[in-house]
Structures are given as C-alpha cells and as structure tokens.
Protein backbone atom coordinates (compact mmCIF):
# COMPACT_ATOMS: atom_id res chain seq x y z
CA MET A 1 -15.17 37.14 29.11
CA THR A 2 -17.29 38.33 26.20
CA THR A 3 -18.19 42.04 26.23
CA LEU A 4 -20.75 44.09 24.33
CA ASN A 5 -20.79 47.67 23.09
CA PRO A 6 -23.02 49.53 25.60
CA ASN A 7 -24.28 51.77 22.78
CA ALA A 8 -25.41 48.85 20.61
CA LEU A 9 -29.08 48.28 19.88
CA ALA A 10 -31.28 46.01 21.97
CA SER A 11 -32.45 42.66 20.66
CA VAL A 12 -36.25 42.80 20.88
CA LYS A 13 -38.43 39.76 20.17
CA ARG A 14 -42.22 39.58 20.38
CA ARG A 15 -44.84 36.89 19.92
CA ASP A 16 -48.62 37.12 20.38
CA SER A 17 -50.97 34.16 20.61
CA ASP A 18 -53.30 33.53 17.69
CA GLY A 19 -56.27 34.75 19.73
CA GLY A 20 -54.37 37.80 20.95
CA ASP A 21 -55.00 37.08 24.64
CA ARG A 22 -51.40 36.19 25.49
CA ARG A 23 -48.13 37.85 24.51
CA LEU A 24 -44.44 37.77 25.32
CA VAL A 25 -41.78 40.37 24.64
CA SER A 26 -38.09 39.80 25.34
CA ILE A 27 -35.65 42.72 25.45
CA THR A 28 -31.94 41.88 25.72
CA ALA A 29 -29.65 44.89 25.81
CA PRO A 30 -26.00 45.86 26.34
CA SER A 31 -27.05 48.60 28.78
CA VAL A 32 -29.99 49.39 31.04
CA ASP A 33 -30.70 52.68 29.25
CA VAL A 34 -31.08 50.91 25.91
CA ALA A 35 -33.43 48.31 27.45
CA LEU A 36 -35.60 50.89 29.20
CA ALA A 37 -36.06 52.88 26.01
CA GLU A 38 -37.65 49.76 24.53
CA VAL A 39 -39.85 49.30 27.60
CA ASP A 40 -41.24 52.81 27.13
CA ARG A 41 -42.44 51.89 23.65
CA LEU A 42 -44.69 49.21 25.19
CA ALA A 43 -46.31 51.40 27.84
CA GLY A 44 -49.69 51.53 26.06
CA GLU A 45 -50.37 47.80 26.49
CA SER A 46 -51.38 45.74 29.54
CA TRP A 47 -48.69 43.59 31.18
CA CYS A 48 -48.94 41.28 34.18
CA LEU A 49 -45.26 40.41 34.79
CA GLY A 50 -41.85 41.93 34.13
CA LEU A 51 -39.05 39.39 34.65
CA VAL A 52 -35.57 40.92 34.85
CA PHE A 53 -32.18 39.21 34.68
CA ALA A 54 -29.13 41.44 35.02
CA ARG A 55 -25.36 41.22 35.47
CA SER A 56 -25.33 43.63 38.42
CA ALA A 57 -27.53 44.61 41.35
CA GLN A 58 -27.55 48.21 40.16
CA ALA A 59 -28.85 47.23 36.72
CA LEU A 60 -31.46 44.98 38.31
CA GLN A 61 -32.72 47.75 40.59
CA ARG A 62 -32.84 50.36 37.83
CA ALA A 63 -34.75 48.09 35.49
CA GLY A 64 -37.22 47.09 38.19
CA ASP A 65 -37.85 50.68 39.27
CA HIS A 66 -38.48 51.80 35.72
CA LEU A 67 -40.88 48.93 35.00
CA GLY A 68 -42.93 49.91 38.02
CA GLN A 69 -43.16 53.50 36.81
CA ALA A 70 -43.69 52.84 33.10
CA LEU A 71 -46.08 49.87 33.18
CA ALA A 72 -48.88 50.45 35.67
CA GLY A 73 -49.95 47.50 37.80
CA ILE A 74 -47.23 45.13 36.62
CA GLU A 75 -45.71 42.51 38.95
CA ILE A 76 -41.91 42.68 38.96
CA ALA A 77 -39.36 39.98 39.78
CA GLY A 78 -35.81 39.13 38.86
CA CYS A 79 -32.28 38.32 39.92
CA THR A 80 -28.65 38.82 39.05
CA SER A 81 -27.20 36.31 36.63
CA ALA A 82 -24.08 34.48 35.52
CA GLY A 83 -24.87 35.28 31.89
CA ILE A 84 -27.91 35.87 29.69
CA LEU A 85 -29.61 33.45 27.30
CA ASP A 86 -31.36 34.74 24.18
CA ARG A 87 -31.66 33.99 20.47
CA GLU A 88 -28.68 36.19 19.60
CA ALA A 89 -26.34 34.47 22.11
CA ASN A 90 -25.83 37.81 23.89
CA VAL A 91 -24.39 36.06 26.93
CA ALA A 92 -22.64 39.24 28.16
CA ALA A 93 -25.70 41.49 27.85
CA GLU A 94 -26.17 43.84 30.81
CA VAL A 95 -29.87 43.15 31.20
CA GLN A 96 -32.77 41.11 29.85
CA ILE A 97 -36.40 42.07 30.45
CA THR A 98 -39.17 39.63 29.56
CA LEU A 99 -42.72 40.97 29.63
CA PHE A 100 -45.79 38.75 29.97
CA GLY A 101 -49.15 40.26 29.03
CA GLY A 102 -52.67 39.88 27.73
CA SER A 103 -55.92 38.78 29.35
CA GLY A 104 -54.88 35.13 29.18
CA LEU A 105 -51.89 35.53 31.51
CA ALA A 106 -51.83 36.52 35.20
CA SER A 107 -49.07 36.68 37.78
CA ALA A 108 -48.28 37.34 41.44
CA VAL A 109 -44.93 37.68 43.26
CA ALA A 110 -43.83 36.96 46.84
CA ARG A 111 -40.44 37.27 48.53
CA ALA A 112 -38.93 35.60 51.60
CA SER A 113 -35.60 35.89 53.40
CA LEU A 114 -33.16 33.04 53.92
CA GLU A 115 -31.63 34.88 56.88
CA GLN A 116 -34.74 35.02 59.10
CA GLY A 117 -35.49 31.32 59.47
CA SER A 118 -35.12 27.96 57.79
CA SER A 119 -34.70 27.47 54.06
CA ARG A 120 -37.83 25.32 54.04
CA ALA A 121 -39.87 28.10 55.65
CA ALA A 122 -38.52 30.60 53.11
CA GLY A 123 -39.53 28.35 50.23
CA SER A 124 -43.01 27.99 51.72
CA ALA A 125 -43.37 31.75 52.13
CA ALA A 126 -42.25 32.46 48.56
CA ALA A 127 -44.74 29.88 47.29
CA GLU A 128 -47.55 31.93 48.79
CA ALA A 129 -47.45 33.82 45.49
CA VAL A 130 -49.74 31.05 44.21
CA ASP A 131 -52.33 31.87 46.89
CA ARG A 132 -52.03 35.55 46.08
CA LEU A 133 -52.78 34.83 42.45
CA GLY A 134 -55.81 32.65 43.17
CA GLY A 135 -57.30 30.14 40.76
CA ARG A 136 -57.75 32.46 37.80
CA TYR A 137 -56.75 29.79 35.27
CA ASP A 138 -56.36 26.03 35.43
CA GLN A 139 -52.71 26.14 34.35
CA THR A 140 -50.32 27.56 36.95
CA VAL A 141 -46.56 27.24 37.44
CA LEU A 142 -44.37 28.49 40.30
CA ILE A 143 -41.04 30.01 39.28
CA LEU A 144 -38.43 30.28 42.05
CA LEU A 145 -35.41 32.59 41.96
CA VAL A 146 -33.12 31.69 44.86
CA ASP A 147 -29.88 32.90 46.40
CA GLY A 148 -27.98 29.65 45.97
CA LEU A 149 -24.98 30.90 47.97
CA VAL A 150 -27.05 31.06 51.19
CA GLY A 151 -29.16 28.41 52.89
CA ASP A 152 -30.11 25.07 51.36
CA THR A 153 -31.88 25.21 48.00
CA ASN A 154 -33.04 21.62 48.44
CA ASP A 155 -35.04 22.71 51.47
CA VAL A 156 -36.30 25.83 49.67
CA VAL A 157 -37.83 23.59 47.02
CA ARG A 158 -39.21 21.20 49.63
CA GLY A 159 -40.90 24.06 51.44
CA ALA A 160 -42.42 25.40 48.24
CA TYR A 161 -43.65 21.95 47.26
CA GLU A 162 -45.28 21.42 50.66
CA THR A 163 -47.19 24.68 50.13
CA VAL A 164 -48.38 24.28 46.52
CA GLY A 165 -48.65 20.49 46.29
CA ALA A 166 -48.17 18.23 43.30
CA SER A 167 -50.65 20.04 41.06
CA VAL A 168 -48.41 23.11 40.61
CA PRO A 169 -45.06 22.39 38.93
CA ILE A 170 -42.01 24.28 40.19
CA VAL A 171 -39.18 25.55 38.00
CA GLY A 172 -36.47 28.17 38.38
CA GLY A 173 -32.86 28.70 39.26
CA CYS A 174 -30.28 30.16 41.60
CA ALA A 175 -29.18 33.73 40.98
CA GLY A 176 -25.60 34.44 39.93
CA ASP A 177 -23.10 37.23 40.48
CA ASP A 178 -21.17 37.00 37.22
CA LEU A 179 -18.99 34.21 38.68
CA ALA A 180 -17.69 36.25 41.62
CA MET A 181 -19.37 33.75 44.00
CA VAL A 182 -19.67 36.44 46.69
CA ALA A 183 -23.29 37.65 46.82
CA THR A 184 -26.29 37.38 44.51
CA HIS A 185 -29.34 39.64 44.43
CA GLN A 186 -33.05 39.01 44.07
CA LEU A 187 -35.79 41.50 43.15
CA ALA A 188 -39.50 41.45 44.05
CA GLY A 189 -41.42 44.62 43.21
CA ASN A 190 -39.16 47.47 44.27
CA GLN A 191 -37.48 45.37 46.98
CA LEU A 192 -33.90 44.40 46.13
CA GLY A 193 -31.84 42.25 48.47
CA THR A 194 -29.53 39.31 48.98
CA SER A 195 -30.16 36.00 50.76
CA GLY A 196 -33.68 35.83 49.39
CA VAL A 197 -36.18 33.63 47.60
CA VAL A 198 -38.59 35.12 45.08
CA GLY A 199 -41.68 33.15 44.12
CA ILE A 200 -43.47 33.99 40.87
CA ALA A 201 -46.88 32.44 40.28
CA LEU A 202 -47.68 32.49 36.56
CA SER A 203 -51.11 31.40 35.41
CA SER A 204 -52.29 30.94 31.82
CA SER A 205 -55.38 30.13 29.80
CA ALA A 206 -53.10 27.81 27.78
CA SER A 207 -50.69 25.06 28.81
CA PHE A 208 -47.13 25.03 30.12
CA GLY A 209 -44.44 22.46 29.32
CA ILE A 210 -41.36 21.56 31.35
CA GLY A 211 -38.16 19.90 30.17
CA VAL A 212 -35.19 18.79 32.28
CA ASN A 213 -32.04 17.22 30.91
CA HIS A 214 -28.28 17.04 31.45
CA GLY A 215 -25.45 15.57 29.44
CA TRP A 216 -23.80 13.55 32.21
CA SER A 217 -23.33 9.81 32.62
CA PRO A 218 -21.91 7.75 35.53
CA LEU A 219 -18.19 7.03 35.66
CA GLY A 220 -16.63 4.42 37.94
CA GLN A 221 -18.09 2.78 41.02
CA PRO A 222 -20.62 4.30 43.42
CA MET A 223 -19.28 5.65 46.73
CA THR A 224 -20.93 6.18 50.10
CA VAL A 225 -20.84 9.49 51.93
CA THR A 226 -19.57 8.34 55.32
CA ALA A 227 -19.22 11.79 56.92
CA ALA A 228 -20.72 15.14 55.99
CA GLU A 229 -21.15 18.55 57.58
CA GLY A 230 -23.38 21.24 56.08
CA THR A 231 -22.55 21.48 52.39
CA SER A 232 -19.23 19.62 52.82
CA ILE A 233 -18.51 15.95 52.26
CA LEU A 234 -15.77 14.99 54.71
CA THR A 235 -15.24 11.34 53.85
CA LEU A 236 -16.15 8.94 51.06
CA ASP A 237 -16.01 5.24 51.89
CA ASP A 238 -14.30 6.27 55.16
CA ARG A 239 -11.45 8.04 53.38
CA PRO A 240 -10.84 11.81 53.14
CA ALA A 241 -13.21 12.97 50.44
CA LEU A 242 -10.78 15.32 48.69
CA ASP A 243 -8.16 12.56 48.45
CA VAL A 244 -10.67 10.18 46.87
CA TYR A 245 -11.86 12.85 44.44
CA LEU A 246 -8.40 13.98 43.34
CA GLU A 247 -7.37 10.39 42.75
CA ALA A 248 -10.47 9.85 40.62
CA ILE A 249 -9.86 12.89 38.41
CA GLY A 250 -6.08 12.41 38.24
CA GLY A 251 -5.20 15.55 40.17
CA ASP A 252 -3.14 16.52 43.20
CA ASP A 253 -2.68 19.42 45.61
CA GLY A 254 -0.29 21.33 43.36
CA ASN A 255 -1.43 24.98 43.15
CA LEU A 256 -4.91 23.89 44.24
CA THR A 257 -7.44 26.63 45.00
CA ASN A 258 -11.22 26.51 45.36
CA SER A 259 -11.76 28.37 42.10
CA GLY A 260 -9.15 26.30 40.31
CA LEU A 261 -10.68 23.06 41.56
CA ALA A 262 -14.15 24.22 40.50
CA VAL A 263 -12.92 24.90 36.96
CA ARG A 264 -11.12 21.55 36.71
CA CYS A 265 -14.14 19.70 38.06
CA GLN A 266 -16.77 21.11 35.73
CA THR A 267 -16.47 17.93 33.68
CA ARG A 268 -16.44 15.68 36.77
CA PRO A 269 -19.48 16.51 38.90
CA PHE A 270 -21.15 14.09 41.28
CA GLY A 271 -24.43 12.30 40.62
CA LEU A 272 -27.19 11.20 43.00
CA GLN A 273 -29.30 8.35 41.68
CA SER A 274 -33.06 8.82 42.02
CA ARG A 275 -35.88 6.95 40.30
CA GLY A 276 -33.72 5.61 37.51
CA THR A 277 -31.96 8.89 36.73
CA TYR A 278 -29.12 10.97 38.14
CA HIS A 279 -29.32 14.41 39.71
CA VAL A 280 -26.04 16.25 39.21
CA ARG A 281 -24.16 18.09 41.97
CA PHE A 282 -21.55 20.71 41.08
CA VAL A 283 -18.23 20.60 42.96
CA ARG A 284 -17.74 24.13 44.27
CA GLY A 285 -14.28 23.60 45.74
CA GLY A 286 -12.21 21.76 48.33
CA ASP A 287 -10.76 22.39 51.77
CA LEU A 288 -7.09 21.42 51.88
CA GLU A 289 -6.96 21.28 55.69
CA ARG A 290 -10.13 19.27 56.26
CA ARG A 291 -9.62 17.29 53.04
CA SER A 292 -13.28 17.90 52.26
CA ILE A 293 -15.21 18.57 49.05
CA GLU A 294 -17.51 21.61 49.01
CA PHE A 295 -20.90 21.79 47.31
CA LEU A 296 -23.69 24.35 46.93
CA VAL A 297 -26.18 22.15 48.79
CA ALA A 298 -25.91 19.45 51.43
CA ILE A 299 -25.34 15.81 50.49
CA PRO A 300 -26.21 13.84 53.62
CA GLU A 301 -24.31 10.99 55.24
CA GLY A 302 -25.33 7.62 53.90
CA GLU A 303 -26.06 8.98 50.39
CA THR A 304 -24.62 7.02 47.48
CA VAL A 305 -22.79 9.20 44.96
CA THR A 306 -21.16 8.52 41.63
CA LEU A 307 -18.62 10.51 39.66
CA MET A 308 -20.12 11.76 36.39
CA GLN A 309 -18.59 12.45 32.98
CA GLY A 310 -19.57 14.62 30.04
CA ASP A 311 -18.27 17.10 27.50
CA ALA A 312 -19.35 20.05 25.37
CA GLU A 313 -21.15 17.84 22.87
CA SER A 314 -23.20 16.03 25.52
CA VAL A 315 -24.07 19.28 27.33
CA ILE A 316 -25.24 21.00 24.14
CA GLY A 317 -27.25 17.95 23.13
CA ALA A 318 -28.93 17.86 26.54
CA ALA A 319 -30.02 21.49 26.18
CA GLY A 320 -31.84 20.66 22.97
CA THR A 321 -33.39 17.54 24.51
CA ALA A 322 -34.78 19.58 27.41
CA VAL A 323 -36.50 21.92 24.95
CA ALA A 324 -37.92 19.00 22.98
CA GLN A 325 -39.28 17.48 26.20
CA ALA A 326 -41.00 20.73 27.18
CA LEU A 327 -42.64 21.05 23.77
CA THR A 328 -44.25 17.60 24.02
CA GLU A 329 -46.43 18.96 26.83
CA ILE A 330 -48.01 21.81 24.86
CA GLU A 331 -49.96 22.04 21.61
CA GLY A 332 -48.32 23.83 18.73
CA PRO A 333 -45.30 26.13 18.84
CA PRO A 334 -44.84 28.06 22.08
CA LEU A 335 -44.95 31.80 22.50
CA GLY A 336 -41.53 31.24 23.97
CA ILE A 337 -39.39 29.36 26.43
CA LEU A 338 -37.77 30.42 29.69
CA ALA A 339 -34.45 28.59 30.12
CA PHE A 340 -32.36 28.04 33.26
CA ASP A 341 -28.92 26.73 32.29
CA CYS A 342 -26.04 26.10 34.69
CA VAL A 343 -23.02 28.38 34.53
CA ALA A 344 -20.84 25.26 34.87
CA CYS A 345 -22.32 24.04 31.57
CA ARG A 346 -21.31 27.37 30.06
CA GLY A 347 -17.82 26.70 31.43
CA VAL A 348 -17.73 23.26 29.84
CA ILE A 349 -18.78 24.42 26.38
CA GLY A 350 -16.89 27.75 26.50
CA ASP A 351 -18.28 31.13 25.48
CA GLU A 352 -17.16 30.50 21.92
CA CYS A 353 -19.69 27.64 21.73
CA VAL A 354 -22.63 29.46 23.32
CA PRO A 355 -23.98 30.24 19.81
CA THR A 356 -23.84 26.50 19.07
CA GLU A 357 -25.91 25.77 22.18
CA VAL A 358 -28.38 28.52 21.29
CA ASN A 359 -28.70 27.08 17.77
CA GLU A 360 -29.41 23.65 19.24
CA VAL A 361 -32.09 25.10 21.52
CA THR A 362 -33.75 27.25 18.85
CA SER A 363 -33.71 24.43 16.28
CA HIS A 364 -36.72 23.06 18.18
CA LEU A 365 -38.59 26.38 18.11
CA ALA A 366 -40.54 28.34 15.54
CA ASP A 367 -38.62 31.25 14.07
CA ASP A 368 -40.62 33.79 16.09
CA SER A 369 -40.74 31.88 19.39
CA ILE A 370 -38.94 33.73 22.15
CA LEU A 371 -35.91 32.44 24.05
CA SER A 372 -35.32 34.15 27.40
CA GLY A 373 -33.25 32.95 30.30
CA LEU A 374 -30.02 33.00 32.23
CA TYR A 375 -27.04 30.99 33.35
CA THR A 376 -27.54 30.05 37.00
CA TYR A 377 -25.77 28.65 40.07
CA GLY A 378 -28.26 25.78 40.20
CA GLU A 379 -31.49 24.78 38.52
CA ILE A 380 -34.93 23.94 39.91
CA ALA A 381 -37.53 21.61 38.46
CA ARG A 382 -39.97 19.59 40.54
CA ARG A 383 -43.09 17.72 39.61
CA GLY A 384 -44.57 14.95 41.72
CA GLY A 385 -42.16 13.50 44.25
CA ALA A 386 -38.90 13.85 42.31
CA LEU A 387 -35.93 15.78 43.66
CA GLY A 388 -36.23 19.42 42.70
CA PHE A 389 -32.69 20.85 42.77
CA HIS A 390 -30.18 20.25 39.99
CA ASN A 391 -26.71 21.34 38.90
CA GLN A 392 -25.16 21.36 35.44
CA THR A 393 -28.61 20.78 33.96
CA MET A 394 -30.89 22.58 31.51
CA VAL A 395 -34.41 23.36 32.81
CA VAL A 396 -36.92 24.73 30.30
CA LEU A 397 -40.39 26.21 30.79
CA ALA A 398 -42.39 26.36 27.53
CA ILE A 399 -45.19 28.96 27.48
CA SER A 400 -47.97 28.39 24.96
C-alpha cells in the first residue's frame, strides 16, 4: 500500500470560470491538518458545497466540522474512500476536499438511513436534496454517496430516480473503508454515520457532462441464474454457482478465502446485458459450504449473466473514454471533473500504474482543469431508463 509523508504539502488546484461566477478548488493532502490550513486561506470567498473524501471516519469528521466553522453557510457532504483520485496520483492521501463556489453554483444535501427502512425509500429520501435546492438553475445533477456494504444499491438508485425523474441525471459511488470491507462512513453536514445514503443536489448556470465506461468484454457463453438469495447466486444453469465459476476461471478450493477469491476474480467479473451494453458486477467472494458466489448487490433468479474479461490496458483506456464522453456534453474545457472509479479497477492496474491511469484521464483535460474523486465499492450513473449501478467502471461528472 502506498503511503505519504503526513508533513508533506497539500496539492491545491483551482479553476474559475471565465465570467467568474463559478469556481472549483481541490485540496488533496497527506493529513487533515495540512488540508484544513489550506481551507482557512479560502475563508473570505463564498462557497456552496464542500465535498470530502477521506481514508478514515475520523479524518472525514474533522474535515467536515472544520468546513462548517470556517466557511459560513456551506453545505457539507462526503464519505470514506478506498483511495483518492487527483492530478498528482496521490492515491494514499488522507483527505481530499473539493470546494464549489460562486453565484453560478448552488447545492443542497440530504441524508437517509439504510437501517430504518427499504433501500428504495432511502434513495428517495436522499434525493429530496433536489427539492431542497429548488429550481435555481436549469442544470441540476444528483450525486449519491452510498454505503455499498449495507442494503441494495440498485434499489437506492431506483428510489432516487423515482423521486427526481428522468430530467435530473444521477451519478455517484459507494463509500469505501480502505479495503477493510467492514464498515464505511457517510457525512452530511455535521452528521457522520454508517449505513447511510447522502444525496447532493448540485445546480449550475452552465452544463454538466456524464461519462460511463468500463474495459470489460464478454467471455464464454451466457449462463442463467437458476437460484439466488439476497446478494448470493446459489446456482448457475442448475449447478452450484461456485463450482461453475471456479471451473471457468481455472481455479479450485485450495486455500480459498473470500478475500483471496475477490483478488483472483478482479479480472473475471460478471456482466449483465442491458440495451446493447454490459453492466459489470464485482465478485465479492464465495461461500464454500453453500457453493455460492457473493456480490455487493442482488442478481435475481432468471437473470442472464456472462463472464467478463479485461486487463490493465483495457481498464486504463476505459477511464480515458469515460472522460472523453463526459466532455462531449459540455462546451469548452471543464472547470473540472469528479471521478468515481472502482477499487477493483485499481486492483487490476496496480498502484504502480495509477499514475498511468491519471495521465490517461488528464490527457483529455486542460492543464488547469481539476481532477477530484475517489476509488469506490461501486459506481452510480443513471440517465433515462438505464440501469444505474455499476462495478469495475469509471463514472465521470464534468463541471463546466
């Protein structure tokens, strides 16, 4: 795991719109103290949103508390991560704070619990951030930060979509916990918790662009899910699912653990075909007794699935393609992009190649355009009627 010197300087990037009514600042730092010192230098300006990604719940809480004290009236949201994305490839940074400001940007935040009802209801409640914001500008996007280890993220997205409708695109990702896979944290205002969904309504006087791409292609014949329970597939084509999967990837039960299986299977996810494309599903692990395969979200009985293949080159190329797609939907270079990239993609390319991925992403950007983002446990992008939850995919929001 890459580490950073906690006494090193922060990486601070800023871009203002030509008219001066919109601005972004990204602060990526090896420690919270270093990041907050940079925040204090910006206290004289107006900001509508502070978005925080951090490696730990403590860092997330400290950053959020300080933003509320230092920048009056700012909306605050964030989550723990599985790594940071920025122009300097500071994947192991302790915290990243992205500030949105100017009269041409507005924001509102809402939080819902995944423990007090259905996932769909939680998604709907978090999407009420859009109502809180009101119709200040024509261009609005809903950003969702979700605890992907609890509930069903598919239903979270469905609930949000039912609330905001097709006119408001939805992007976002599932919080991480630095690969511990135990508990993730979400922040809304000064409220920090687990098992939550945070909805961030962001409205702009300029346009947004969205790009979604992955580097995976189908391998072998489609299979039918013939028995499933929760987020487990029990049988494929009426055979124990784990047996079918291990045969397909050339593995066996020798020294098999959930974490070991997840690492081995990063290059062999599953794909669900939808509207001429594939939505990727990450294999979280397997149950040796039930002979099941475990996922982060449910794959229902009767669904047709296909094994997928890819490598570091295809994953890196897909990241750049997602950025290029997002930029086709805006005019001119963006102020910056917000990127949600799967931690399993980071596993495929390896930390040593993160700079290569960052170079591919930034090759599509102006030199002063900001790159902010995180590695996630699942990615969200929904427009129209398409499926909204993804794994091992790059989702990009371009902000003009």
